[in-house]
N, C-alpha and C. Protein backbone atom coordinates (compact mmCIF):
# COMPACT_ATOMS: atom_id res chain seq x y z
N MET A 1 30.90 3.82 -2.76
CA MET A 1 30.23 2.53 -2.77
C MET A 1 29.17 2.45 -1.66
N GLU A 2 29.50 3.01 -0.48
CA GLU A 2 28.56 2.95 0.64
C GLU A 2 27.27 3.70 0.32
N LYS A 3 27.40 4.84 -0.39
CA LYS A 3 26.23 5.62 -0.76
C LYS A 3 25.30 4.82 -1.68
N LYS A 4 25.88 4.07 -2.61
CA LYS A 4 25.12 3.23 -3.54
C LYS A 4 24.41 2.11 -2.77
N THR A 5 25.11 1.50 -1.81
CA THR A 5 24.53 0.45 -0.98
C THR A 5 23.36 0.99 -0.18
N ASN A 6 23.53 2.17 0.40
CA ASN A 6 22.45 2.78 1.18
C ASN A 6 21.23 3.06 0.31
N LEU A 7 21.44 3.46 -0.92
CA LEU A 7 20.34 3.74 -1.84
C LEU A 7 19.60 2.45 -2.19
N VAL A 8 20.32 1.39 -2.42
CA VAL A 8 19.70 0.08 -2.70
C VAL A 8 18.90 -0.38 -1.49
N GLN A 9 19.46 -0.23 -0.30
CA GLN A 9 18.76 -0.61 0.93
C GLN A 9 17.50 0.22 1.12
N TYR A 10 17.59 1.51 0.84
CA TYR A 10 16.43 2.39 0.94
C TYR A 10 15.32 1.92 0.00
N PHE A 11 15.66 1.66 -1.26
CA PHE A 11 14.65 1.21 -2.22
C PHE A 11 14.04 -0.12 -1.79
N TRP A 12 14.87 -1.05 -1.34
CA TRP A 12 14.36 -2.35 -0.89
C TRP A 12 13.42 -2.16 0.30
N LEU A 13 13.80 -1.31 1.24
CA LEU A 13 12.97 -1.04 2.41
C LEU A 13 11.58 -0.54 2.02
N ILE A 14 11.53 0.44 1.14
CA ILE A 14 10.25 1.01 0.72
C ILE A 14 9.44 -0.03 -0.06
N ILE A 15 10.09 -0.75 -0.95
CA ILE A 15 9.39 -1.73 -1.79
C ILE A 15 8.78 -2.82 -0.92
N TYR A 16 9.55 -3.41 -0.02
CA TYR A 16 8.96 -4.51 0.76
C TYR A 16 7.98 -4.00 1.81
N ALA A 17 8.23 -2.85 2.41
CA ALA A 17 7.27 -2.33 3.40
C ALA A 17 5.93 -2.03 2.72
N HIS A 18 5.98 -1.42 1.55
CA HIS A 18 4.75 -1.12 0.82
C HIS A 18 4.03 -2.40 0.39
N THR A 19 4.76 -3.34 -0.21
CA THR A 19 4.14 -4.54 -0.75
C THR A 19 3.51 -5.39 0.35
N ILE A 20 4.21 -5.57 1.45
CA ILE A 20 3.68 -6.37 2.56
C ILE A 20 2.47 -5.67 3.18
N ALA A 21 2.57 -4.35 3.40
CA ALA A 21 1.45 -3.60 3.97
C ALA A 21 0.24 -3.65 3.04
N TYR A 22 0.46 -3.49 1.76
CA TYR A 22 -0.61 -3.53 0.76
C TYR A 22 -1.30 -4.90 0.77
N PHE A 23 -0.51 -5.96 0.80
CA PHE A 23 -1.04 -7.32 0.79
C PHE A 23 -1.91 -7.59 2.02
N ILE A 24 -1.40 -7.25 3.18
CA ILE A 24 -2.15 -7.50 4.43
C ILE A 24 -3.40 -6.62 4.49
N ALA A 25 -3.28 -5.35 4.12
CA ALA A 25 -4.44 -4.45 4.12
C ALA A 25 -5.49 -4.94 3.12
N GLY A 26 -5.04 -5.48 1.99
CA GLY A 26 -5.96 -6.02 1.00
C GLY A 26 -6.72 -7.22 1.51
N ILE A 27 -6.01 -8.11 2.19
CA ILE A 27 -6.68 -9.28 2.80
C ILE A 27 -7.69 -8.80 3.84
N PHE A 28 -7.28 -7.83 4.65
CA PHE A 28 -8.19 -7.25 5.64
C PHE A 28 -9.46 -6.72 4.96
N ALA A 29 -9.29 -6.01 3.87
CA ALA A 29 -10.42 -5.41 3.17
C ALA A 29 -11.34 -6.48 2.57
N VAL A 30 -10.75 -7.51 1.99
CA VAL A 30 -11.56 -8.58 1.39
C VAL A 30 -12.36 -9.30 2.47
N VAL A 31 -11.74 -9.55 3.62
CA VAL A 31 -12.40 -10.31 4.68
C VAL A 31 -13.34 -9.44 5.51
N VAL A 32 -12.86 -8.31 6.00
CA VAL A 32 -13.64 -7.48 6.93
C VAL A 32 -14.65 -6.59 6.20
N VAL A 33 -14.22 -5.90 5.16
CA VAL A 33 -15.10 -4.99 4.44
C VAL A 33 -15.93 -5.74 3.40
N ASN A 34 -15.54 -6.98 3.12
CA ASN A 34 -16.23 -7.85 2.17
C ASN A 34 -16.23 -7.25 0.77
N TYR A 35 -15.02 -7.01 0.26
CA TYR A 35 -14.86 -6.42 -1.07
C TYR A 35 -15.52 -7.24 -2.17
N LYS A 36 -15.56 -8.56 -2.01
CA LYS A 36 -16.17 -9.38 -3.07
C LYS A 36 -17.62 -8.96 -3.28
N GLU A 37 -18.35 -8.81 -2.20
CA GLU A 37 -19.75 -8.39 -2.29
C GLU A 37 -19.85 -6.92 -2.69
N LEU A 38 -19.03 -6.09 -2.08
CA LEU A 38 -19.06 -4.65 -2.37
C LEU A 38 -18.77 -4.37 -3.84
N TYR A 39 -17.77 -5.04 -4.39
CA TYR A 39 -17.39 -4.80 -5.79
C TYR A 39 -18.42 -5.33 -6.78
N SER A 40 -19.35 -6.14 -6.32
CA SER A 40 -20.39 -6.64 -7.22
C SER A 40 -21.66 -5.79 -7.17
N THR A 41 -21.67 -4.77 -6.30
CA THR A 41 -22.84 -3.89 -6.25
C THR A 41 -22.90 -3.06 -7.52
N GLU A 42 -24.08 -2.61 -7.87
CA GLU A 42 -24.28 -1.87 -9.11
C GLU A 42 -23.39 -0.63 -9.19
N ILE A 43 -23.26 0.07 -8.10
CA ILE A 43 -22.50 1.33 -8.09
C ILE A 43 -20.99 1.08 -8.26
N ILE A 44 -20.45 0.19 -7.47
CA ILE A 44 -19.00 -0.03 -7.46
C ILE A 44 -18.54 -0.86 -8.66
N SER A 45 -19.38 -1.77 -9.14
CA SER A 45 -18.97 -2.63 -10.26
C SER A 45 -18.79 -1.86 -11.56
N LEU A 46 -19.25 -0.62 -11.60
CA LEU A 46 -19.06 0.20 -12.79
C LEU A 46 -17.60 0.60 -13.00
N PHE A 47 -16.82 0.65 -11.91
CA PHE A 47 -15.43 1.07 -12.07
C PHE A 47 -14.40 0.19 -11.36
N MET A 48 -14.84 -0.82 -10.64
CA MET A 48 -13.91 -1.73 -9.97
C MET A 48 -14.08 -3.14 -10.53
N LEU A 49 -12.98 -3.80 -10.80
CA LEU A 49 -13.03 -5.18 -11.28
C LEU A 49 -13.40 -6.11 -10.12
N PRO A 50 -14.06 -7.23 -10.41
CA PRO A 50 -14.34 -8.21 -9.35
C PRO A 50 -13.02 -8.73 -8.75
N VAL A 51 -13.06 -9.11 -7.48
CA VAL A 51 -11.84 -9.55 -6.80
C VAL A 51 -11.27 -10.84 -7.36
N ASP A 52 -12.07 -11.61 -8.10
CA ASP A 52 -11.58 -12.87 -8.66
C ASP A 52 -11.10 -12.73 -10.12
N THR A 53 -10.91 -11.52 -10.59
CA THR A 53 -10.36 -11.26 -11.92
C THR A 53 -8.85 -11.54 -11.89
N PRO A 54 -8.31 -12.16 -12.95
CA PRO A 54 -6.87 -12.50 -12.95
C PRO A 54 -5.94 -11.32 -12.63
N ILE A 55 -6.17 -10.16 -13.22
CA ILE A 55 -5.26 -9.03 -12.98
C ILE A 55 -5.33 -8.56 -11.53
N VAL A 56 -6.48 -8.72 -10.89
CA VAL A 56 -6.60 -8.36 -9.46
C VAL A 56 -5.75 -9.31 -8.63
N ALA A 57 -5.74 -10.58 -9.00
CA ALA A 57 -4.90 -11.56 -8.29
C ALA A 57 -3.42 -11.22 -8.45
N LEU A 58 -3.05 -10.67 -9.59
CA LEU A 58 -1.66 -10.31 -9.85
C LEU A 58 -1.27 -8.99 -9.15
N GLY A 59 -2.25 -8.26 -8.67
CA GLY A 59 -2.03 -6.96 -8.03
C GLY A 59 -0.95 -6.92 -6.97
N PRO A 60 -0.93 -7.84 -6.01
CA PRO A 60 0.13 -7.78 -4.99
C PRO A 60 1.54 -7.88 -5.58
N PHE A 61 1.73 -8.72 -6.58
CA PHE A 61 3.05 -8.81 -7.23
C PHE A 61 3.39 -7.49 -7.92
N LEU A 62 2.41 -6.89 -8.57
CA LEU A 62 2.65 -5.64 -9.29
C LEU A 62 2.97 -4.47 -8.35
N GLN A 63 2.66 -4.63 -7.08
CA GLN A 63 2.97 -3.58 -6.10
C GLN A 63 4.46 -3.35 -5.95
N ILE A 64 5.26 -4.31 -6.38
CA ILE A 64 6.72 -4.11 -6.37
C ILE A 64 7.06 -2.88 -7.21
N PHE A 65 6.41 -2.74 -8.35
CA PHE A 65 6.67 -1.60 -9.23
C PHE A 65 6.12 -0.30 -8.62
N ARG A 66 5.00 -0.40 -7.94
CA ARG A 66 4.47 0.78 -7.25
C ARG A 66 5.40 1.18 -6.10
N GLY A 67 6.00 0.19 -5.46
CA GLY A 67 6.98 0.46 -4.41
C GLY A 67 8.16 1.24 -4.93
N ILE A 68 8.60 0.91 -6.14
CA ILE A 68 9.69 1.66 -6.78
C ILE A 68 9.27 3.11 -7.00
N ILE A 69 8.04 3.30 -7.47
CA ILE A 69 7.54 4.66 -7.69
C ILE A 69 7.48 5.42 -6.37
N ILE A 70 6.97 4.79 -5.34
CA ILE A 70 6.89 5.44 -4.02
C ILE A 70 8.30 5.81 -3.53
N ALA A 71 9.24 4.89 -3.69
CA ALA A 71 10.62 5.16 -3.25
C ALA A 71 11.20 6.36 -4.01
N LEU A 72 10.93 6.44 -5.30
CA LEU A 72 11.42 7.58 -6.09
C LEU A 72 10.78 8.89 -5.62
N ILE A 73 9.49 8.85 -5.33
CA ILE A 73 8.79 10.05 -4.88
C ILE A 73 9.31 10.51 -3.52
N LEU A 74 9.57 9.57 -2.62
CA LEU A 74 10.03 9.91 -1.27
C LEU A 74 11.52 10.23 -1.20
N LEU A 75 12.26 9.88 -2.23
CA LEU A 75 13.72 10.03 -2.21
C LEU A 75 14.19 11.43 -1.80
N PRO A 76 13.65 12.52 -2.36
CA PRO A 76 14.15 13.84 -1.95
C PRO A 76 13.84 14.18 -0.48
N LEU A 77 12.84 13.51 0.10
CA LEU A 77 12.46 13.79 1.49
C LEU A 77 12.90 12.68 2.44
N ARG A 78 13.78 11.84 1.99
CA ARG A 78 14.22 10.68 2.76
C ARG A 78 14.74 11.05 4.14
N LYS A 79 15.55 12.08 4.22
CA LYS A 79 16.10 12.49 5.52
C LYS A 79 15.01 12.97 6.45
N THR A 80 14.05 13.70 5.91
CA THR A 80 12.94 14.21 6.73
C THR A 80 12.17 13.06 7.36
N PHE A 81 11.85 12.06 6.57
CA PHE A 81 11.01 10.96 7.06
C PHE A 81 11.76 9.91 7.85
N PHE A 82 13.04 9.69 7.54
CA PHE A 82 13.75 8.59 8.16
C PHE A 82 14.82 8.98 9.18
N GLU A 83 15.13 10.26 9.27
CA GLU A 83 16.16 10.67 10.22
C GLU A 83 15.66 11.67 11.26
N GLU A 84 14.64 12.43 10.93
CA GLU A 84 14.12 13.41 11.88
C GLU A 84 13.20 12.75 12.90
N LYS A 85 13.07 13.41 14.05
CA LYS A 85 12.15 12.93 15.08
C LYS A 85 10.72 12.96 14.52
N ASN A 86 9.98 11.92 14.74
CA ASN A 86 8.60 11.76 14.27
C ASN A 86 8.48 11.80 12.74
N GLY A 87 9.57 11.48 12.06
CA GLY A 87 9.56 11.51 10.60
C GLY A 87 8.55 10.54 10.00
N LEU A 88 8.47 9.34 10.56
CA LEU A 88 7.53 8.35 10.02
C LEU A 88 6.09 8.74 10.29
N LEU A 89 5.85 9.40 11.41
CA LEU A 89 4.51 9.92 11.69
C LEU A 89 4.12 10.96 10.64
N LYS A 90 5.07 11.82 10.31
CA LYS A 90 4.84 12.81 9.24
C LYS A 90 4.52 12.11 7.92
N LEU A 91 5.27 11.06 7.61
CA LEU A 91 5.04 10.31 6.38
C LEU A 91 3.64 9.71 6.37
N GLY A 92 3.22 9.15 7.50
CA GLY A 92 1.88 8.57 7.60
C GLY A 92 0.78 9.60 7.39
N LEU A 93 0.93 10.75 8.00
CA LEU A 93 -0.07 11.81 7.85
C LEU A 93 -0.13 12.33 6.41
N ILE A 94 1.03 12.49 5.81
CA ILE A 94 1.07 12.96 4.42
C ILE A 94 0.45 11.91 3.50
N THR A 95 0.73 10.65 3.77
CA THR A 95 0.17 9.57 2.94
C THR A 95 -1.35 9.57 3.02
N ILE A 96 -1.89 9.63 4.20
CA ILE A 96 -3.36 9.68 4.36
C ILE A 96 -3.91 10.94 3.70
N GLY A 97 -3.27 12.06 3.95
CA GLY A 97 -3.76 13.33 3.42
C GLY A 97 -3.77 13.40 1.91
N LEU A 98 -2.67 13.01 1.28
CA LEU A 98 -2.57 13.17 -0.17
C LEU A 98 -3.12 12.00 -0.98
N SER A 99 -3.10 10.81 -0.40
CA SER A 99 -3.57 9.66 -1.19
C SER A 99 -5.00 9.26 -0.88
N LEU A 100 -5.59 9.83 0.15
CA LEU A 100 -6.97 9.45 0.48
C LEU A 100 -7.88 10.68 0.54
N LEU A 101 -7.56 11.62 1.37
CA LEU A 101 -8.48 12.73 1.62
C LEU A 101 -8.42 13.84 0.58
N SER A 102 -7.24 14.15 0.09
CA SER A 102 -7.10 15.30 -0.80
C SER A 102 -6.40 14.91 -2.10
N THR A 103 -6.99 13.99 -2.81
CA THR A 103 -6.41 13.56 -4.09
C THR A 103 -6.59 14.66 -5.13
N ILE A 104 -5.94 14.51 -6.26
CA ILE A 104 -6.00 15.51 -7.32
C ILE A 104 -7.28 15.38 -8.15
N GLY A 105 -8.02 14.36 -7.96
CA GLY A 105 -9.27 14.18 -8.71
C GLY A 105 -10.37 13.70 -7.79
N PRO A 106 -11.56 13.56 -8.32
CA PRO A 106 -12.70 13.15 -7.50
C PRO A 106 -12.75 11.64 -7.27
N THR A 107 -11.76 11.12 -6.55
CA THR A 107 -11.75 9.69 -6.26
C THR A 107 -12.65 9.38 -5.07
N MET A 108 -13.08 8.15 -4.99
CA MET A 108 -13.98 7.74 -3.92
C MET A 108 -13.37 8.01 -2.55
N GLY A 109 -14.11 8.65 -1.68
CA GLY A 109 -13.66 8.92 -0.33
C GLY A 109 -12.85 10.19 -0.17
N SER A 110 -12.52 10.84 -1.28
CA SER A 110 -11.74 12.07 -1.19
C SER A 110 -12.67 13.27 -1.03
N PHE A 111 -12.09 14.39 -0.70
CA PHE A 111 -12.85 15.63 -0.57
C PHE A 111 -13.65 15.89 -1.85
N ASP A 112 -12.96 15.83 -3.00
CA ASP A 112 -13.64 16.06 -4.28
C ASP A 112 -14.62 14.95 -4.62
N GLY A 113 -14.35 13.75 -4.15
CA GLY A 113 -15.26 12.64 -4.39
C GLY A 113 -16.64 12.89 -3.80
N TYR A 114 -16.66 13.50 -2.61
CA TYR A 114 -17.94 13.82 -1.98
C TYR A 114 -18.69 14.92 -2.75
N ILE A 115 -17.93 15.83 -3.32
CA ILE A 115 -18.55 16.97 -4.00
C ILE A 115 -19.00 16.61 -5.42
N TYR A 116 -18.14 15.95 -6.19
CA TYR A 116 -18.36 15.83 -7.63
C TYR A 116 -18.88 14.48 -8.12
N THR A 117 -18.97 13.48 -7.27
CA THR A 117 -19.45 12.19 -7.76
C THR A 117 -20.86 11.90 -7.26
N ARG A 118 -21.48 10.95 -7.89
CA ARG A 118 -22.83 10.52 -7.49
C ARG A 118 -22.78 9.32 -6.56
N ILE A 119 -21.60 8.96 -6.17
CA ILE A 119 -21.44 7.80 -5.29
C ILE A 119 -21.94 8.16 -3.89
N PRO A 120 -22.88 7.36 -3.35
CA PRO A 120 -23.41 7.65 -2.01
C PRO A 120 -22.31 7.68 -0.94
N TYR A 121 -22.52 8.49 0.07
CA TYR A 121 -21.53 8.67 1.13
C TYR A 121 -21.12 7.35 1.78
N MET A 122 -22.07 6.46 1.95
CA MET A 122 -21.77 5.18 2.59
C MET A 122 -20.70 4.41 1.81
N TYR A 123 -20.78 4.46 0.50
CA TYR A 123 -19.78 3.79 -0.33
C TYR A 123 -18.45 4.54 -0.30
N GLN A 124 -18.52 5.84 -0.17
CA GLN A 124 -17.32 6.67 -0.16
C GLN A 124 -16.39 6.29 1.01
N ILE A 125 -16.97 6.03 2.17
CA ILE A 125 -16.15 5.79 3.36
C ILE A 125 -15.70 4.34 3.51
N LEU A 126 -16.19 3.44 2.67
CA LEU A 126 -15.85 2.03 2.83
C LEU A 126 -14.37 1.72 2.59
N GLY A 127 -13.67 2.58 1.89
CA GLY A 127 -12.24 2.36 1.67
C GLY A 127 -11.36 2.87 2.79
N TYR A 128 -11.92 3.65 3.71
CA TYR A 128 -11.12 4.22 4.80
C TYR A 128 -10.43 3.16 5.67
N PRO A 129 -11.16 2.12 6.11
CA PRO A 129 -10.47 1.14 6.97
C PRO A 129 -9.24 0.52 6.31
N GLU A 130 -9.37 0.16 5.03
CA GLU A 130 -8.22 -0.43 4.32
C GLU A 130 -7.07 0.57 4.25
N ALA A 131 -7.37 1.81 3.94
CA ALA A 131 -6.32 2.83 3.83
C ALA A 131 -5.63 3.06 5.18
N ILE A 132 -6.39 3.10 6.24
CA ILE A 132 -5.81 3.31 7.57
C ILE A 132 -4.96 2.12 7.98
N VAL A 133 -5.46 0.91 7.73
CA VAL A 133 -4.68 -0.30 8.03
C VAL A 133 -3.38 -0.29 7.22
N TYR A 134 -3.48 0.06 5.94
CA TYR A 134 -2.28 0.12 5.09
C TYR A 134 -1.25 1.09 5.67
N VAL A 135 -1.67 2.30 5.98
CA VAL A 135 -0.71 3.30 6.48
C VAL A 135 -0.09 2.86 7.79
N LEU A 136 -0.89 2.32 8.70
CA LEU A 136 -0.35 1.84 9.98
C LEU A 136 0.67 0.72 9.76
N LEU A 137 0.35 -0.20 8.85
CA LEU A 137 1.28 -1.29 8.56
C LEU A 137 2.55 -0.77 7.87
N PHE A 138 2.39 0.10 6.89
CA PHE A 138 3.52 0.65 6.15
C PHE A 138 4.48 1.35 7.11
N ILE A 139 3.95 2.22 7.94
CA ILE A 139 4.78 2.96 8.90
C ILE A 139 5.35 2.01 9.94
N GLY A 140 4.55 1.05 10.40
CA GLY A 140 5.02 0.07 11.38
C GLY A 140 6.15 -0.79 10.85
N ILE A 141 5.99 -1.28 9.62
CA ILE A 141 7.05 -2.10 9.01
C ILE A 141 8.31 -1.27 8.81
N LEU A 142 8.16 -0.03 8.35
CA LEU A 142 9.32 0.84 8.21
C LEU A 142 10.01 1.06 9.55
N SER A 143 9.23 1.33 10.57
CA SER A 143 9.79 1.61 11.90
C SER A 143 10.57 0.41 12.45
N ILE A 144 9.95 -0.76 12.38
CA ILE A 144 10.61 -1.98 12.88
C ILE A 144 11.85 -2.29 12.05
N SER A 145 11.72 -2.13 10.74
CA SER A 145 12.86 -2.43 9.85
C SER A 145 14.03 -1.50 10.11
N ILE A 146 13.75 -0.25 10.36
CA ILE A 146 14.82 0.72 10.65
C ILE A 146 15.46 0.40 12.00
N LYS A 147 14.61 0.10 12.98
CA LYS A 147 15.11 -0.20 14.33
C LYS A 147 16.01 -1.44 14.34
N TYR A 148 15.63 -2.44 13.55
CA TYR A 148 16.38 -3.69 13.52
C TYR A 148 17.13 -3.90 12.21
N ALA A 149 17.52 -2.82 11.57
CA ALA A 149 18.22 -2.89 10.27
C ALA A 149 19.53 -3.67 10.37
N HIS A 150 20.16 -3.63 11.52
CA HIS A 150 21.44 -4.31 11.70
C HIS A 150 21.29 -5.83 11.85
N LYS A 151 20.08 -6.29 12.06
CA LYS A 151 19.83 -7.73 12.24
C LYS A 151 19.58 -8.39 10.88
N LYS A 152 20.23 -9.50 10.63
CA LYS A 152 20.05 -10.21 9.36
C LYS A 152 18.65 -10.78 9.22
N ILE A 153 18.02 -11.06 10.34
CA ILE A 153 16.67 -11.64 10.29
C ILE A 153 15.68 -10.70 9.60
N THR A 154 15.91 -9.39 9.72
CA THR A 154 15.05 -8.41 9.05
C THR A 154 15.12 -8.59 7.53
N THR A 155 16.32 -8.71 7.02
CA THR A 155 16.49 -8.92 5.57
C THR A 155 15.93 -10.26 5.15
N ILE A 156 16.20 -11.29 5.91
CA ILE A 156 15.71 -12.63 5.57
C ILE A 156 14.19 -12.65 5.54
N LEU A 157 13.55 -12.10 6.58
CA LEU A 157 12.07 -12.08 6.63
C LEU A 157 11.48 -11.26 5.49
N SER A 158 12.12 -10.14 5.16
CA SER A 158 11.61 -9.32 4.06
C SER A 158 11.66 -10.10 2.75
N ILE A 159 12.73 -10.81 2.52
CA ILE A 159 12.85 -11.61 1.30
C ILE A 159 11.83 -12.74 1.29
N VAL A 160 11.68 -13.43 2.40
CA VAL A 160 10.72 -14.54 2.49
C VAL A 160 9.30 -14.04 2.22
N PHE A 161 8.91 -12.95 2.87
CA PHE A 161 7.56 -12.41 2.67
C PHE A 161 7.34 -11.98 1.22
N MET A 162 8.33 -11.33 0.64
CA MET A 162 8.20 -10.87 -0.74
C MET A 162 8.09 -12.04 -1.72
N VAL A 163 8.87 -13.08 -1.49
CA VAL A 163 8.79 -14.27 -2.36
C VAL A 163 7.43 -14.93 -2.21
N LEU A 164 6.95 -15.09 -0.98
CA LEU A 164 5.64 -15.72 -0.76
C LEU A 164 4.52 -14.91 -1.40
N ILE A 165 4.51 -13.61 -1.18
CA ILE A 165 3.48 -12.75 -1.77
C ILE A 165 3.53 -12.82 -3.29
N SER A 166 4.73 -12.76 -3.84
CA SER A 166 4.88 -12.82 -5.30
C SER A 166 4.38 -14.15 -5.86
N LEU A 167 4.78 -15.26 -5.22
CA LEU A 167 4.35 -16.57 -5.70
C LEU A 167 2.83 -16.75 -5.60
N MET A 168 2.25 -16.34 -4.47
CA MET A 168 0.79 -16.45 -4.32
C MET A 168 0.07 -15.61 -5.36
N SER A 169 0.59 -14.42 -5.60
CA SER A 169 -0.04 -13.52 -6.58
C SER A 169 0.05 -14.09 -7.98
N ILE A 170 1.21 -14.57 -8.36
CA ILE A 170 1.39 -15.12 -9.71
C ILE A 170 0.56 -16.40 -9.88
N MET A 171 0.54 -17.25 -8.86
CA MET A 171 -0.28 -18.46 -8.94
C MET A 171 -1.76 -18.11 -9.02
N GLY A 172 -2.19 -17.10 -8.28
CA GLY A 172 -3.58 -16.65 -8.34
C GLY A 172 -3.94 -16.14 -9.73
N PHE A 173 -3.00 -15.44 -10.35
CA PHE A 173 -3.22 -14.94 -11.72
C PHE A 173 -3.36 -16.09 -12.71
N ILE A 174 -2.47 -17.06 -12.59
CA ILE A 174 -2.49 -18.21 -13.50
C ILE A 174 -3.76 -19.05 -13.31
N MET A 175 -4.18 -19.20 -12.07
CA MET A 175 -5.33 -20.07 -11.78
C MET A 175 -6.67 -19.39 -11.91
N ALA A 176 -6.69 -18.07 -11.98
CA ALA A 176 -7.98 -17.34 -12.04
C ALA A 176 -8.64 -17.46 -13.39
């Protein structure tokens, strides 16, 4: 029974750390990088939806499902990242490396993106700040949550944040 409980806690940890980090990094990107204006440029609007599109508003809620996928992917390496010394640092470096710099296709800002796309370099690097903020938040939330896992306030705050993010996202979808 304890093993099952630990697995549920692990999945919840990854899901809420990812969703909260994604939400905050997204707000950072909209405000600081000015995604609304960026996404309306001729180059970016060809493949990115405007930030006021209903499905974009629903995005933070849908990150719960992405969190499940991330948890499944990390599951075989769980001990490496969560029990070894500097495990979360390793997770952060791997996340930046595989999801930003060395993707499997020519995505914007990736190694292949610079080689194979016609997207100007200036546009390529505009996603870096959001990605770095996301990874720092994701690793930070994981670190704090692990350190204070025995405190009930950690669970309560995670639930409150997830409910608020979900409600705001769903309301944004309905109202968009």
